């Protein structure tokens, strides 16, 4: 892969973004379903608590990886700095200015800041 071709990086970014959103959106329905089924079948809420705790750990790990996803051009956190992070709303790298989903540098020099 050419160093200025970022398609594979953005493909991994989209995959991580979609997984983050899916984990967030499906948490309550999945845990509620398992809790209700566990209560009906085992007369216990424990399956719901176990799934809820495990789900939160996975969501935390995926979320941290997504928020600190490295920019394909400069390698620093794409969506923010240590004091500010735009997460899903970032339209360009907070460090070098690379636009989100850019195929390459396009001749634009990295931002110096």
N, C-alpha and C. Protein backbone atom coordinates (compact mmCIF):
# COMPACT_ATOMS: atom_id res chain seq x y z
N UNK A 1 0.84 -1.18 0.00
CA UNK A 1 0.00 0.00 0.00
C UNK A 1 0.88 1.24 0.00
N UNK A 2 0.55 2.17 -0.84
CA UNK A 2 1.27 3.43 -0.92
C UNK A 2 1.11 4.20 0.39
N UNK A 3 2.16 4.90 0.83
CA UNK A 3 2.06 5.62 2.09
C UNK A 3 1.02 6.73 2.06
N UNK A 4 0.66 7.23 0.89
CA UNK A 4 -0.34 8.29 0.78
C UNK A 4 -1.74 7.77 0.46
N UNK A 5 -1.93 6.46 0.45
CA UNK A 5 -3.24 5.88 0.19
C UNK A 5 -3.81 5.39 1.52
N UNK A 6 -4.86 6.03 1.97
CA UNK A 6 -5.38 5.77 3.30
C UNK A 6 -6.67 4.93 3.31
N UNK A 7 -7.03 4.33 2.20
CA UNK A 7 -8.30 3.59 2.12
C UNK A 7 -8.42 2.51 3.19
N UNK A 8 -7.37 1.73 3.39
CA UNK A 8 -7.41 0.66 4.38
C UNK A 8 -7.56 1.22 5.80
N UNK A 9 -6.90 2.33 6.07
CA UNK A 9 -7.04 2.98 7.38
C UNK A 9 -8.49 3.41 7.63
N UNK A 10 -9.09 4.02 6.61
CA UNK A 10 -10.46 4.50 6.77
C UNK A 10 -11.45 3.34 6.84
N UNK A 11 -11.14 2.24 6.17
CA UNK A 11 -12.01 1.06 6.27
C UNK A 11 -12.01 0.56 7.71
N UNK A 12 -10.84 0.50 8.34
CA UNK A 12 -10.76 0.07 9.74
C UNK A 12 -11.44 1.07 10.67
N UNK A 13 -11.33 2.36 10.34
CA UNK A 13 -11.99 3.40 11.12
C UNK A 13 -13.51 3.21 11.08
N UNK A 14 -14.06 3.01 9.88
CA UNK A 14 -15.52 2.81 9.74
C UNK A 14 -15.98 1.58 10.52
N UNK A 15 -15.19 0.52 10.44
CA UNK A 15 -15.54 -0.72 11.16
C UNK A 15 -15.59 -0.47 12.67
N UNK A 16 -14.61 0.22 13.19
CA UNK A 16 -14.56 0.53 14.61
C UNK A 16 -15.68 1.49 15.00
N UNK A 17 -15.95 2.49 14.17
CA UNK A 17 -17.05 3.43 14.42
C UNK A 17 -18.38 2.71 14.45
N UNK A 18 -18.63 1.86 13.47
CA UNK A 18 -19.89 1.13 13.41
C UNK A 18 -20.06 0.19 14.59
N UNK A 19 -18.98 -0.46 14.99
CA UNK A 19 -19.03 -1.35 16.16
C UNK A 19 -19.35 -0.55 17.42
N UNK A 20 -18.75 0.63 17.57
CA UNK A 20 -19.02 1.48 18.73
C UNK A 20 -20.50 1.88 18.80
N UNK A 21 -21.02 2.31 17.68
CA UNK A 21 -22.42 2.74 17.62
C UNK A 21 -23.35 1.56 17.87
N UNK A 22 -23.05 0.41 17.29
CA UNK A 22 -23.86 -0.78 17.50
C UNK A 22 -23.87 -1.21 18.96
N UNK A 23 -22.69 -1.23 19.59
CA UNK A 23 -22.62 -1.60 21.00
C UNK A 23 -23.41 -0.64 21.86
N UNK A 24 -23.35 0.65 21.55
CA UNK A 24 -24.09 1.65 22.31
C UNK A 24 -25.60 1.46 22.13
N UNK A 25 -26.04 1.29 20.89
CA UNK A 25 -27.47 1.22 20.59
C UNK A 25 -28.12 -0.08 21.06
N UNK A 26 -27.37 -1.17 21.05
CA UNK A 26 -27.95 -2.48 21.37
C UNK A 26 -27.84 -2.84 22.85
N UNK A 27 -27.17 -2.02 23.65
CA UNK A 27 -26.93 -2.37 25.06
C UNK A 27 -28.23 -2.62 25.83
N UNK A 28 -29.10 -1.64 25.88
CA UNK A 28 -30.32 -1.77 26.68
C UNK A 28 -31.21 -2.91 26.18
N UNK A 29 -31.50 -3.00 24.87
CA UNK A 29 -32.35 -4.11 24.43
C UNK A 29 -31.75 -5.49 24.73
N UNK A 30 -30.45 -5.65 24.53
CA UNK A 30 -29.82 -6.95 24.75
C UNK A 30 -29.82 -7.33 26.23
N UNK A 31 -29.42 -6.39 27.08
CA UNK A 31 -29.37 -6.69 28.52
C UNK A 31 -30.78 -6.89 29.07
N UNK A 32 -31.72 -6.09 28.65
CA UNK A 32 -33.10 -6.26 29.11
C UNK A 32 -33.65 -7.62 28.70
N UNK A 33 -33.41 -8.03 27.47
CA UNK A 33 -33.88 -9.34 26.99
C UNK A 33 -33.27 -10.47 27.79
N UNK A 34 -31.96 -10.43 27.99
CA UNK A 34 -31.29 -11.50 28.76
C UNK A 34 -31.74 -11.49 30.21
N UNK A 35 -31.96 -10.32 30.77
CA UNK A 35 -32.43 -10.23 32.16
C UNK A 35 -33.82 -10.84 32.29
N UNK A 36 -34.71 -10.51 31.37
CA UNK A 36 -36.06 -11.05 31.43
C UNK A 36 -36.08 -12.56 31.19
N UNK A 37 -35.27 -13.03 30.22
CA UNK A 37 -35.19 -14.47 29.96
C UNK A 37 -34.57 -15.20 31.16
N UNK A 38 -33.52 -14.62 31.72
CA UNK A 38 -32.88 -15.23 32.89
C UNK A 38 -33.82 -15.30 34.07
N UNK A 39 -34.64 -14.28 34.24
CA UNK A 39 -35.61 -14.27 35.32
C UNK A 39 -36.68 -15.34 35.11
N UNK A 40 -37.13 -15.49 33.87
CA UNK A 40 -38.17 -16.48 33.58
C UNK A 40 -37.64 -17.91 33.63
N UNK A 41 -36.44 -18.14 33.11
CA UNK A 41 -35.90 -19.50 33.02
C UNK A 41 -35.20 -19.93 34.30
N UNK A 42 -34.34 -19.07 34.84
CA UNK A 42 -33.52 -19.45 35.99
C UNK A 42 -33.99 -18.82 37.30
N UNK A 43 -35.04 -17.98 37.22
CA UNK A 43 -35.53 -17.27 38.40
C UNK A 43 -34.40 -16.45 39.03
N UNK A 44 -33.57 -15.81 38.17
CA UNK A 44 -32.43 -15.04 38.64
C UNK A 44 -32.12 -13.92 37.64
N UNK A 45 -31.68 -12.79 38.18
CA UNK A 45 -31.26 -11.67 37.33
C UNK A 45 -29.77 -11.73 37.01
N UNK A 46 -29.08 -12.71 37.51
CA UNK A 46 -27.64 -12.81 37.34
C UNK A 46 -27.20 -12.81 35.88
N UNK A 47 -27.86 -13.54 34.96
CA UNK A 47 -27.42 -13.48 33.56
C UNK A 47 -27.43 -12.06 32.99
N UNK A 48 -28.41 -11.27 33.38
CA UNK A 48 -28.47 -9.88 32.92
C UNK A 48 -27.33 -9.04 33.47
N UNK A 49 -27.02 -9.25 34.75
CA UNK A 49 -25.91 -8.51 35.37
C UNK A 49 -24.57 -8.89 34.73
N UNK A 50 -24.39 -10.18 34.48
CA UNK A 50 -23.14 -10.64 33.87
C UNK A 50 -22.99 -10.07 32.46
N UNK A 51 -24.05 -10.18 31.66
CA UNK A 51 -24.00 -9.64 30.30
C UNK A 51 -23.80 -8.13 30.33
N UNK A 52 -24.51 -7.44 31.20
CA UNK A 52 -24.38 -5.98 31.30
C UNK A 52 -22.97 -5.56 31.65
N UNK A 53 -22.35 -6.22 32.62
CA UNK A 53 -20.98 -5.89 33.00
C UNK A 53 -19.99 -6.18 31.90
N UNK A 54 -20.12 -7.36 31.29
CA UNK A 54 -19.20 -7.73 30.19
C UNK A 54 -19.37 -6.78 29.01
N UNK A 55 -20.62 -6.43 28.69
CA UNK A 55 -20.91 -5.53 27.57
C UNK A 55 -20.27 -4.16 27.82
N UNK A 56 -20.37 -3.66 29.05
CA UNK A 56 -19.78 -2.36 29.36
C UNK A 56 -18.26 -2.38 29.22
N UNK A 57 -17.63 -3.47 29.62
CA UNK A 57 -16.17 -3.58 29.48
C UNK A 57 -15.80 -3.57 28.00
N UNK A 58 -16.51 -4.34 27.18
CA UNK A 58 -16.23 -4.37 25.74
C UNK A 58 -16.48 -3.00 25.13
N UNK A 59 -17.58 -2.35 25.52
CA UNK A 59 -17.89 -1.02 25.00
C UNK A 59 -16.80 -0.02 25.38
N UNK A 60 -16.30 -0.10 26.59
CA UNK A 60 -15.24 0.78 27.04
C UNK A 60 -13.96 0.59 26.22
N UNK A 61 -13.57 -0.65 25.99
CA UNK A 61 -12.37 -0.94 25.22
C UNK A 61 -12.52 -0.46 23.78
N UNK A 62 -13.64 -0.78 23.15
CA UNK A 62 -13.87 -0.36 21.76
C UNK A 62 -13.96 1.16 21.67
N UNK A 63 -14.64 1.78 22.63
CA UNK A 63 -14.78 3.24 22.64
C UNK A 63 -13.44 3.94 22.78
N UNK A 64 -12.59 3.44 23.66
CA UNK A 64 -11.27 4.05 23.83
C UNK A 64 -10.45 3.90 22.56
N UNK A 65 -10.52 2.73 21.94
CA UNK A 65 -9.78 2.53 20.68
C UNK A 65 -10.30 3.46 19.59
N UNK A 66 -11.62 3.67 19.55
CA UNK A 66 -12.21 4.54 18.53
C UNK A 66 -11.83 6.01 18.77
N UNK A 67 -11.94 6.47 20.00
CA UNK A 67 -11.65 7.86 20.32
C UNK A 67 -10.18 8.19 20.10
N UNK A 68 -9.31 7.22 20.32
CA UNK A 68 -7.88 7.45 20.15
C UNK A 68 -7.34 6.85 18.85
N UNK A 69 -8.22 6.66 17.88
CA UNK A 69 -7.81 6.09 16.60
C UNK A 69 -6.76 7.00 15.96
N UNK A 70 -5.62 6.42 15.50
CA UNK A 70 -4.54 7.24 14.97
C UNK A 70 -4.80 7.74 13.54
N UNK A 71 -4.46 8.97 13.32
CA UNK A 71 -4.57 9.57 11.99
C UNK A 71 -3.65 8.82 11.04
N UNK A 72 -4.12 8.52 9.80
CA UNK A 72 -3.26 7.83 8.84
C UNK A 72 -2.02 8.64 8.44
N UNK A 73 -2.10 9.95 8.49
CA UNK A 73 -0.98 10.79 8.05
C UNK A 73 0.02 11.05 9.18
N UNK A 74 -0.45 11.52 10.34
CA UNK A 74 0.51 11.93 11.38
C UNK A 74 0.64 10.92 12.52
N UNK A 75 -0.31 9.98 12.62
CA UNK A 75 -0.23 8.95 13.64
C UNK A 75 -0.72 9.36 15.02
N UNK A 76 -1.14 10.62 15.19
CA UNK A 76 -1.67 11.06 16.48
C UNK A 76 -3.18 10.84 16.49
N UNK A 77 -3.79 11.00 17.66
CA UNK A 77 -5.24 10.80 17.80
C UNK A 77 -5.98 11.69 16.81
N UNK A 78 -6.79 11.06 15.93
CA UNK A 78 -7.45 11.80 14.86
C UNK A 78 -8.46 12.81 15.39
N UNK A 79 -9.27 12.41 16.34
CA UNK A 79 -10.41 13.24 16.72
C UNK A 79 -10.15 14.23 17.84
N UNK A 80 -8.95 14.25 18.41
CA UNK A 80 -8.74 15.23 19.46
C UNK A 80 -7.37 15.21 20.08
N UNK A 81 -7.25 16.03 21.09
CA UNK A 81 -6.02 16.15 21.85
C UNK A 81 -6.30 15.66 23.27
N UNK A 82 -5.35 15.79 24.16
CA UNK A 82 -5.56 15.30 25.51
C UNK A 82 -6.61 16.11 26.26
N UNK A 83 -6.89 17.33 25.86
CA UNK A 83 -7.85 18.16 26.58
C UNK A 83 -9.19 18.30 25.86
N UNK A 84 -9.26 17.89 24.60
CA UNK A 84 -10.48 18.05 23.83
C UNK A 84 -10.59 16.92 22.81
N UNK A 85 -11.80 16.36 22.66
CA UNK A 85 -11.99 15.28 21.71
C UNK A 85 -13.38 15.40 21.09
N UNK A 86 -13.46 15.43 19.76
CA UNK A 86 -14.73 15.55 19.06
C UNK A 86 -15.38 14.20 18.75
N UNK A 87 -14.64 13.11 18.88
CA UNK A 87 -15.19 11.78 18.64
C UNK A 87 -15.77 11.64 17.25
N UNK A 88 -17.04 11.24 17.17
CA UNK A 88 -17.71 11.04 15.88
C UNK A 88 -17.83 12.32 15.06
N UNK A 89 -17.80 13.47 15.72
CA UNK A 89 -18.04 14.73 15.03
C UNK A 89 -16.79 15.33 14.37
N UNK A 90 -15.64 14.73 14.58
CA UNK A 90 -14.40 15.25 13.99
C UNK A 90 -14.46 15.14 12.47
N UNK A 91 -14.20 16.25 11.80
CA UNK A 91 -14.22 16.27 10.33
C UNK A 91 -12.82 16.25 9.73
N UNK A 92 -11.83 16.53 10.57
CA UNK A 92 -10.44 16.51 10.14
C UNK A 92 -9.57 16.19 11.34
N UNK A 93 -8.35 15.78 11.06
CA UNK A 93 -7.42 15.45 12.14
C UNK A 93 -7.17 16.69 12.99
N UNK A 94 -7.22 16.52 14.29
CA UNK A 94 -6.99 17.63 15.21
C UNK A 94 -5.55 18.10 15.20
N UNK A 95 -4.65 17.30 14.63
CA UNK A 95 -3.22 17.63 14.66
C UNK A 95 -2.68 18.11 13.31
N UNK A 96 -3.00 17.37 12.24
CA UNK A 96 -2.41 17.72 10.94
C UNK A 96 -3.43 18.25 9.94
N UNK A 97 -4.72 18.20 10.25
CA UNK A 97 -5.74 18.75 9.37
C UNK A 97 -6.18 17.84 8.25
N UNK A 98 -5.77 16.57 8.23
CA UNK A 98 -6.19 15.64 7.18
C UNK A 98 -7.71 15.47 7.25
N UNK A 99 -8.43 15.73 6.14
CA UNK A 99 -9.89 15.57 6.15
C UNK A 99 -10.28 14.11 6.37
N UNK A 100 -11.38 13.92 7.06
CA UNK A 100 -11.87 12.56 7.30
C UNK A 100 -12.18 11.89 5.96
N UNK A 101 -11.77 10.66 5.83
CA UNK A 101 -11.98 9.81 4.65
C UNK A 101 -11.21 10.25 3.41
N UNK A 102 -10.16 11.06 3.56
CA UNK A 102 -9.32 11.46 2.43
C UNK A 102 -8.55 10.25 1.93
N UNK A 103 -8.50 10.08 0.59
CA UNK A 103 -7.78 8.95 0.00
C UNK A 103 -6.27 9.12 0.08
N UNK A 104 -5.81 10.35 0.14
CA UNK A 104 -4.38 10.62 0.20
C UNK A 104 -4.15 12.04 0.66
N UNK A 105 -2.92 12.44 0.63
CA UNK A 105 -2.58 13.79 1.07
C UNK A 105 -3.09 14.85 0.11
N UNK A 106 -3.17 14.52 -1.16
CA UNK A 106 -3.68 15.47 -2.14
C UNK A 106 -2.82 16.71 -2.27
N UNK A 107 -1.56 16.59 -1.88
CA UNK A 107 -0.66 17.72 -2.01
C UNK A 107 -0.73 18.70 -0.86
N UNK A 108 -1.69 18.52 0.06
CA UNK A 108 -1.79 19.47 1.18
C UNK A 108 -0.76 19.12 2.24
N UNK A 109 0.05 20.07 2.64
CA UNK A 109 1.07 19.79 3.63
C UNK A 109 0.46 19.64 5.02
N UNK A 110 1.07 18.86 5.91
CA UNK A 110 0.58 18.74 7.26
C UNK A 110 0.56 20.09 7.96
N UNK A 111 -0.44 20.27 8.79
CA UNK A 111 -0.57 21.50 9.57
C UNK A 111 0.52 21.53 10.63
N UNK A 112 1.14 22.67 10.83
CA UNK A 112 2.16 22.79 11.88
C UNK A 112 1.55 23.54 13.05
N UNK A 113 1.44 22.85 14.15
CA UNK A 113 0.88 23.49 15.35
C UNK A 113 1.52 22.93 16.58
